[in-house]
Amino acid sequence: MSKLIGRSGIIGWFATNPVAANLLMLVVIILGLMSVGDLRKEAFPSSEPDSLTISISYDSGSAKLSEEGLA
């Protein structure tokens, strides 16, 4: 099976030249490992809130007492 019948194009070329396919794979892996350090690693994006809403329930007290109790 020295020749692959019906193989043409880039896939066929890599099938007949396995060393070139392995070198290309090695180059892709090395470039991927080199670029890992440049990736942003965040679980959640940083964002500033536009507004803040505070809700408080203070039984038998005035609004002034609630405000003072919050601070």
C-alpha atoms as a PDB file:
ATOM      1  CA  MET A   1       0.000   0.000   0.000  1.00  0.00           C
ATOM      2  CA  SER A   2       2.665   2.428  -1.086  1.00  0.00           C
ATOM      3  CA  LYS A   3       0.239   4.852  -2.722  1.00  0.00           C
ATOM      4  CA  LEU A   4      -3.047   6.130  -1.423  1.00  0.00           C
ATOM      5  CA  ILE A   5      -5.580   5.976  -4.233  1.00  0.00           C
ATOM      6  CA  GLY A   6      -8.121   8.758  -4.525  1.00  0.00           C
ATOM      7  CA  ARG A   7      -6.456  11.066  -1.972  1.00  0.00           C
ATOM      8  CA  SER A   8      -6.040  14.638  -3.097  1.00  0.00           C
ATOM      9  CA  GLY A   9      -5.844  18.016  -1.502  1.00  0.00           C
ATOM     10  CA  ILE A  10      -4.310  18.994   1.788  1.00  0.00           C
ATOM     11  CA  ILE A  11      -5.698  15.997   3.710  1.00  0.00           C
ATOM     12  CA  GLY A  12      -4.240  13.621   1.153  1.00  0.00           C
ATOM     13  CA  TRP A  13      -0.908  15.411   1.247  1.00  0.00           C
ATOM     14  CA  PHE A  14      -0.725  15.146   5.045  1.00  0.00           C
ATOM     15  CA  ALA A  15      -1.759  11.479   4.806  1.00  0.00           C
ATOM     16  CA  THR A  16       1.193  10.778   2.530  1.00  0.00           C
ATOM     17  CA  ASN A  17       3.575  12.973   4.577  1.00  0.00           C
ATOM     18  CA  PRO A  18       3.062  12.042   8.241  1.00  0.00           C
ATOM     19  CA  VAL A  19       6.242  13.827   9.355  1.00  0.00           C
ATOM     20  CA  ALA A  20       4.886  17.141   8.070  1.00  0.00           C
ATOM     21  CA  ALA A  21       1.582  16.487   9.836  1.00  0.00           C
ATOM     22  CA  ASN A  22       3.392  15.794  13.109  1.00  0.00           C
ATOM     23  CA  LEU A  23       5.534  18.931  12.739  1.00  0.00           C
ATOM     24  CA  LEU A  24       2.445  21.056  12.092  1.00  0.00           C
ATOM     25  CA  MET A  25       0.766  19.568  15.167  1.00  0.00           C
ATOM     26  CA  LEU A  26       3.880  20.315  17.242  1.00  0.00           C
ATOM     27  CA  VAL A  27       3.957  23.935  16.029  1.00  0.00           C
ATOM     28  CA  VAL A  28       0.273  24.405  16.878  1.00  0.00           C
ATOM     29  CA  ILE A  29       0.786  22.960  20.375  1.00  0.00           C
ATOM     30  CA  ILE A  30       3.851  25.135  21.037  1.00  0.00           C
ATOM     31  CA  LEU A  31       2.078  28.297  19.853  1.00  0.00           C
ATOM     32  CA  GLY A  32      -0.926  27.408  22.007  1.00  0.00           C
ATOM     33  CA  LEU A  33       1.248  26.936  25.082  1.00  0.00           C
ATOM     34  CA  MET A  34       3.006  30.241  24.408  1.00  0.00           C
ATOM     35  CA  SER A  35      -0.305  32.096  24.176  1.00  0.00           C
ATOM     36  CA  VAL A  36      -1.778  30.688  27.414  1.00  0.00           C
ATOM     37  CA  GLY A  37      -0.037  33.415  29.436  1.00  0.00           C
ATOM     38  CA  ASP A  38      -1.713  36.148  27.388  1.00  0.00           C
ATOM     39  CA  LEU A  39      -5.256  34.936  28.060  1.00  0.00           C
ATOM     40  CA  ARG A  40      -7.451  36.845  30.484  1.00  0.00           C
ATOM     41  CA  LYS A  41      -8.437  34.588  33.344  1.00  0.00           C
ATOM     42  CA  GLU A  42     -11.521  35.923  35.127  1.00  0.00           C
ATOM     43  CA  ALA A  43     -14.472  34.049  36.547  1.00  0.00           C
ATOM     44  CA  PHE A  44     -16.697  37.133  36.377  1.00  0.00           C
ATOM     45  CA  PRO A  45     -16.058  40.335  34.432  1.00  0.00           C
ATOM     46  CA  SER A  46     -15.329  43.419  36.463  1.00  0.00           C
ATOM     47  CA  SER A  47     -18.180  45.913  36.329  1.00  0.00           C
ATOM     48  CA  GLU A  48     -19.142  48.997  38.269  1.00  0.00           C
ATOM     49  CA  PRO A  49     -22.772  49.196  39.392  1.00  0.00           C
ATOM     50  CA  ASP A  50     -24.702  52.163  37.991  1.00  0.00           C
ATOM     51  CA  SER A  51     -26.973  52.472  40.994  1.00  0.00           C
ATOM     52  CA  LEU A  52     -27.428  51.065  44.472  1.00  0.00           C
ATOM     53  CA  THR A  53     -30.751  50.380  46.155  1.00  0.00           C
ATOM     54  CA  ILE A  54     -30.983  49.850  49.918  1.00  0.00           C
ATOM     55  CA  SER A  55     -34.148  48.539  51.502  1.00  0.00           C
ATOM     56  CA  ILE A  56     -34.542  48.364  55.292  1.00  0.00           C
ATOM     57  CA  SER A  57     -37.343  47.186  57.518  1.00  0.00           C
ATOM     58  CA  TYR A  58     -37.257  48.752  60.983  1.00  0.00           C
ATOM     59  CA  ASP A  59     -40.320  48.024  63.092  1.00  0.00           C
ATOM     60  CA  SER A  60     -41.806  50.798  65.237  1.00  0.00           C
ATOM     61  CA  GLY A  61     -39.279  53.420  64.257  1.00  0.00           C
ATOM     62  CA  SER A  62     -39.144  56.589  62.259  1.00  0.00           C
ATOM     63  CA  ALA A  63     -37.289  57.134  59.007  1.00  0.00           C
ATOM     64  CA  LYS A  64     -34.622  59.097  60.881  1.00  0.00           C
ATOM     65  CA  LEU A  65     -33.931  56.139  63.229  1.00  0.00           C
ATOM     66  CA  SER A  66     -33.710  53.778  60.256  1.00  0.00           C
ATOM     67  CA  GLU A  67     -31.213  56.063  58.525  1.00  0.00           C
ATOM     68  CA  GLU A  68     -29.059  56.355  61.650  1.00  0.00           C
ATOM     69  CA  GLY A  69     -29.198  52.595  62.217  1.00  0.00           C
ATOM     70  CA  LEU A  70     -27.976  51.979  58.679  1.00  0.00           C
ATOM     71  CA  ALA A  71     -24.846  54.094  59.052  1.00  0.00           C
END
